């Protein structure tokens, strides 16, 4: 059955959003950097889609200041300084910490059990070095905490910042998986105790830890050797 005009437009926008997320992660994980052009055809081929949503996504990222358009040459990542990365994670830490504090006051026994099961899955995936399972379990852990907070506007603000974190590439960052396993235990302990302040501090420390590991990862790749940072 053919899609209606509105359905087709909605699907194209969804594809464009997915491409934008993919390109953000490529940039934030250091796989492409300022000075390297983003090839529309290559991205389209990698994702199994047409070039049109790729072009729309790059235009959207240009509006965010995340990529630049060089006349007659194409799109490339905008310069990304160390401070930019640190600022993004500091903002993420603030909102995630607030949500964890609110969750501590509302979380139920059933929700704590769900978090324990998710944490167990994360640890199993870590031992198996299953990057896809690691990403799924980590995402589910944080999603559960955020939903428990019952603060949709704060969760929305967090989501705006989180989209710049290289979620699909985190497991390739040295030390990140073990840091998540260890840091989550501190978050869980605070949630079980119903201690909002401890939950806030544990979650903020966790996010800052992830940001510091990403900075180290990018430095090891020479990410800032050829651009200011």
Protein backbone atom coordinates (compact mmCIF):
# COMPACT_ATOMS: atom_id res chain seq x y z
CA UNK A 1 0.00 0.00 0.00
CA UNK A 2 1.38 3.40 -1.02
CA UNK A 3 2.05 5.99 1.64
CA UNK A 4 -0.01 9.17 1.71
CA UNK A 5 1.72 12.51 1.21
CA UNK A 6 1.76 13.20 4.96
CA UNK A 7 3.03 9.69 5.72
CA UNK A 8 5.79 9.98 3.13
CA UNK A 9 6.82 13.38 4.54
CA UNK A 10 6.82 12.00 8.07
CA UNK A 11 8.93 9.04 7.04
CA UNK A 12 11.42 11.32 5.28
CA UNK A 13 11.70 13.51 8.37
CA UNK A 14 12.27 10.43 10.50
CA UNK A 15 15.03 9.28 8.15
CA UNK A 16 16.57 12.73 8.23
CA UNK A 17 16.57 12.70 12.04
CA UNK A 18 18.19 9.25 12.06
CA UNK A 19 20.90 10.43 9.66
CA UNK A 20 21.54 13.53 11.78
CA UNK A 21 21.96 11.33 14.87
CA UNK A 22 24.35 9.05 12.98
CA UNK A 23 26.49 11.97 11.75
CA UNK A 24 26.57 13.59 15.20
CA UNK A 25 27.87 10.33 16.61
CA UNK A 26 30.48 10.00 13.86
CA UNK A 27 31.76 13.46 14.73
CA UNK A 28 31.56 13.15 18.52
CA UNK A 29 33.34 9.78 18.45
CA UNK A 30 36.18 11.21 16.38
CA UNK A 31 35.50 9.10 13.28
CA UNK A 32 35.30 12.23 11.16
CA UNK A 33 36.67 15.65 12.01
CA UNK A 34 37.05 19.21 10.80
CA UNK A 35 38.90 19.24 7.47
CA UNK A 36 37.32 15.97 6.28
CA UNK A 37 34.33 16.17 3.97
CA UNK A 38 31.16 14.24 4.70
CA UNK A 39 30.33 12.30 1.53
CA UNK A 40 26.58 12.15 1.01
CA UNK A 41 26.74 9.04 -1.15
CA UNK A 42 28.91 7.17 1.37
CA UNK A 43 26.58 7.99 4.28
CA UNK A 44 23.54 7.00 2.22
CA UNK A 45 25.20 3.71 1.29
CA UNK A 46 26.21 2.99 4.89
CA UNK A 47 22.64 3.53 6.08
CA UNK A 48 20.93 1.92 3.08
CA UNK A 49 18.92 4.99 2.15
CA UNK A 50 18.75 7.59 -0.61
CA UNK A 51 20.84 10.75 -0.71
CA UNK A 52 17.86 13.09 -0.14
CA UNK A 53 17.42 12.55 3.63
CA UNK A 54 21.21 12.70 4.04
CA UNK A 55 21.29 16.14 2.43
CA UNK A 56 18.36 17.28 4.59
CA UNK A 57 20.09 16.00 7.72
CA UNK A 58 23.32 17.81 6.91
CA UNK A 59 21.43 21.03 6.28
CA UNK A 60 19.78 20.60 9.68
CA UNK A 61 23.16 20.01 11.32
CA UNK A 62 24.47 23.10 9.58
CA UNK A 63 21.67 25.05 11.29
CA UNK A 64 22.86 23.65 14.63
CA UNK A 65 26.39 24.81 13.87
CA UNK A 66 27.59 21.22 13.89
CA UNK A 67 28.71 21.11 10.25
CA UNK A 68 29.69 23.77 7.73
CA UNK A 69 29.00 23.94 4.01
CA UNK A 70 31.97 24.77 1.82
CA UNK A 71 30.84 26.29 -1.52
CA UNK A 72 31.18 23.84 -4.42
CA UNK A 73 32.94 21.34 -2.13
CA UNK A 74 30.41 20.02 0.35
CA UNK A 75 29.80 19.57 4.07
CA UNK A 76 32.43 19.07 6.77
CA UNK A 77 32.29 18.97 10.58
CA UNK A 78 32.65 22.35 12.24
CA UNK A 79 35.66 22.74 14.59
CA UNK A 80 34.94 21.02 17.92
CA UNK A 81 36.98 22.17 20.91
CA UNK A 82 37.69 20.24 24.11
CA UNK A 83 35.58 22.80 25.95
CA UNK A 84 32.64 22.10 23.63
CA UNK A 85 32.74 18.41 24.57
CA UNK A 86 33.13 19.20 28.27
CA UNK A 87 30.24 21.70 28.13
CA UNK A 88 27.92 19.18 26.49
CA UNK A 89 28.61 16.60 29.18
CA UNK A 90 28.35 19.16 31.97
CA UNK A 91 24.88 20.11 30.73
CA UNK A 92 23.96 16.43 30.46
CA UNK A 93 25.25 15.81 33.99
CA UNK A 94 23.09 18.61 35.37
CA UNK A 95 19.80 17.39 33.92
CA UNK A 96 20.53 13.69 34.47
CA UNK A 97 21.44 14.44 38.08
CA UNK A 98 18.19 16.29 38.69
CA UNK A 99 16.18 13.42 37.22
CA UNK A 100 18.02 10.89 39.38
CA UNK A 101 17.34 12.96 42.51
CA UNK A 102 13.63 13.11 41.71
CA UNK A 103 13.56 9.41 40.88
CA UNK A 104 14.99 8.61 44.31
CA UNK A 105 11.88 10.08 45.92
CA UNK A 106 9.42 8.17 43.71
CA UNK A 107 11.01 4.91 42.61
CA UNK A 108 9.10 1.74 43.49
CA UNK A 109 10.34 -1.68 44.46
CA UNK A 110 9.31 -3.04 41.07
CA UNK A 111 11.25 -0.30 39.29
CA UNK A 112 14.33 -1.01 41.40
CA UNK A 113 14.06 -4.68 40.47
CA UNK A 114 13.83 -3.67 36.80
CA UNK A 115 16.99 -1.59 37.16
CA UNK A 116 18.76 -4.51 38.85
CA UNK A 117 17.83 -6.79 35.94
CA UNK A 118 19.02 -4.21 33.41
CA UNK A 119 22.28 -3.78 35.31
CA UNK A 120 22.77 -7.55 35.25
CA UNK A 121 22.26 -7.54 31.47
CA UNK A 122 24.81 -4.74 31.16
CA UNK A 123 27.37 -6.71 33.15
CA UNK A 124 26.73 -9.88 31.12
CA UNK A 125 27.10 -7.93 27.87
CA UNK A 126 30.29 -6.34 29.18
CA UNK A 127 31.82 -9.75 29.92
CA UNK A 128 30.79 -10.97 26.46
CA UNK A 129 32.03 -7.75 24.85
CA UNK A 130 28.71 -7.50 23.02
CA UNK A 131 28.68 -3.82 22.02
CA UNK A 132 25.07 -3.81 20.79
CA UNK A 133 23.81 -5.41 24.02
CA UNK A 134 25.93 -3.02 26.09
CA UNK A 135 24.38 -0.04 24.33
CA UNK A 136 20.84 -1.40 24.76
CA UNK A 137 21.24 -2.16 28.45
CA UNK A 138 22.89 1.16 29.23
CA UNK A 139 20.20 3.05 27.35
CA UNK A 140 17.46 1.14 29.18
CA UNK A 141 19.05 1.80 32.57
CA UNK A 142 19.10 5.55 32.07
CA UNK A 143 15.67 5.59 30.44
CA UNK A 144 14.16 3.81 33.44
CA UNK A 145 15.71 6.28 35.90
CA UNK A 146 14.51 9.22 33.83
CA UNK A 147 10.96 7.89 33.58
CA UNK A 148 10.85 7.25 37.33
CA UNK A 149 11.52 10.95 37.91
CA UNK A 150 8.12 11.89 36.48
CA UNK A 151 9.54 15.13 35.04
CA UNK A 152 8.91 15.05 31.29
CA UNK A 153 10.11 18.61 30.59
CA UNK A 154 13.44 18.02 32.32
CA UNK A 155 13.75 14.69 30.49
CA UNK A 156 13.10 16.52 27.21
CA UNK A 157 15.84 19.03 27.99
CA UNK A 158 18.20 16.17 28.77
CA UNK A 159 17.34 14.53 25.45
CA UNK A 160 18.33 17.69 23.58
CA UNK A 161 21.83 17.42 25.04
CA UNK A 162 22.16 13.63 24.95
CA UNK A 163 21.72 13.55 21.19
CA UNK A 164 25.30 14.87 20.91
CA UNK A 165 26.70 11.90 22.87
CA UNK A 166 28.10 9.10 20.66
CA UNK A 167 25.78 6.41 22.01
CA UNK A 168 26.40 3.79 19.35
CA UNK A 169 30.17 4.16 19.61
CA UNK A 170 30.56 4.36 23.40
CA UNK A 171 31.57 0.73 23.78
CA UNK A 172 34.62 1.39 21.58
CA UNK A 173 35.91 4.01 24.05
CA UNK A 174 38.54 2.53 26.33
CA UNK A 175 37.26 2.17 29.90
CA UNK A 176 33.72 3.32 29.18
CA UNK A 177 31.91 0.02 29.65
CA UNK A 178 33.58 -0.77 32.98
CA UNK A 179 32.97 2.80 34.13
CA UNK A 180 29.25 2.38 33.40
CA UNK A 181 29.10 -0.92 35.27
CA UNK A 182 30.86 0.56 38.32
CA UNK A 183 29.14 3.96 38.32
CA UNK A 184 25.66 2.45 38.00
CA UNK A 185 26.15 0.60 41.30
CA UNK A 186 26.58 3.93 43.09
CA UNK A 187 23.45 5.31 41.41
CA UNK A 188 21.49 2.19 42.37
CA UNK A 189 22.63 2.38 46.00
CA UNK A 190 21.42 5.97 46.27
CA UNK A 191 18.09 5.12 44.63
CA UNK A 192 17.55 2.17 46.99
CA UNK A 193 18.24 4.45 49.96
CA UNK A 194 15.82 7.06 48.63
CA UNK A 195 18.64 9.59 48.97
CA UNK A 196 18.03 12.30 46.39
CA UNK A 197 21.24 14.23 47.03
CA UNK A 198 23.36 11.08 46.75
CA UNK A 199 21.54 10.04 43.57
CA UNK A 200 22.13 13.47 42.05
CA UNK A 201 25.83 13.42 42.86
CA UNK A 202 26.30 9.81 41.72
CA UNK A 203 24.60 10.42 38.39
CA UNK A 204 26.46 13.67 37.76
CA UNK A 205 29.78 11.98 38.57
CA UNK A 206 28.86 9.15 36.19
CA UNK A 207 28.10 11.49 33.27
CA UNK A 208 31.21 13.59 33.89
CA UNK A 209 33.25 10.38 34.00
CA UNK A 210 31.88 9.40 30.58
CA UNK A 211 32.71 12.83 29.21
CA UNK A 212 36.27 12.67 30.55
CA UNK A 213 36.76 9.26 28.92
CA UNK A 214 35.52 10.63 25.60
CA UNK A 215 37.96 13.55 25.80
CA UNK A 216 40.82 11.12 26.49
CA UNK A 217 39.64 8.95 23.57
CA UNK A 218 39.60 11.92 21.18
CA UNK A 219 43.01 13.12 22.39
CA UNK A 220 44.48 9.65 21.78
CA UNK A 221 43.17 9.80 18.21
CA UNK A 222 44.88 13.15 17.67
CA UNK A 223 41.48 14.76 17.26
CA UNK A 224 42.73 18.20 18.28
CA UNK A 225 46.13 18.04 16.58
CA UNK A 226 44.86 19.84 13.50
CA UNK A 227 42.17 22.06 14.98
CA UNK A 228 41.97 24.40 17.92
CA UNK A 229 40.88 22.83 21.19
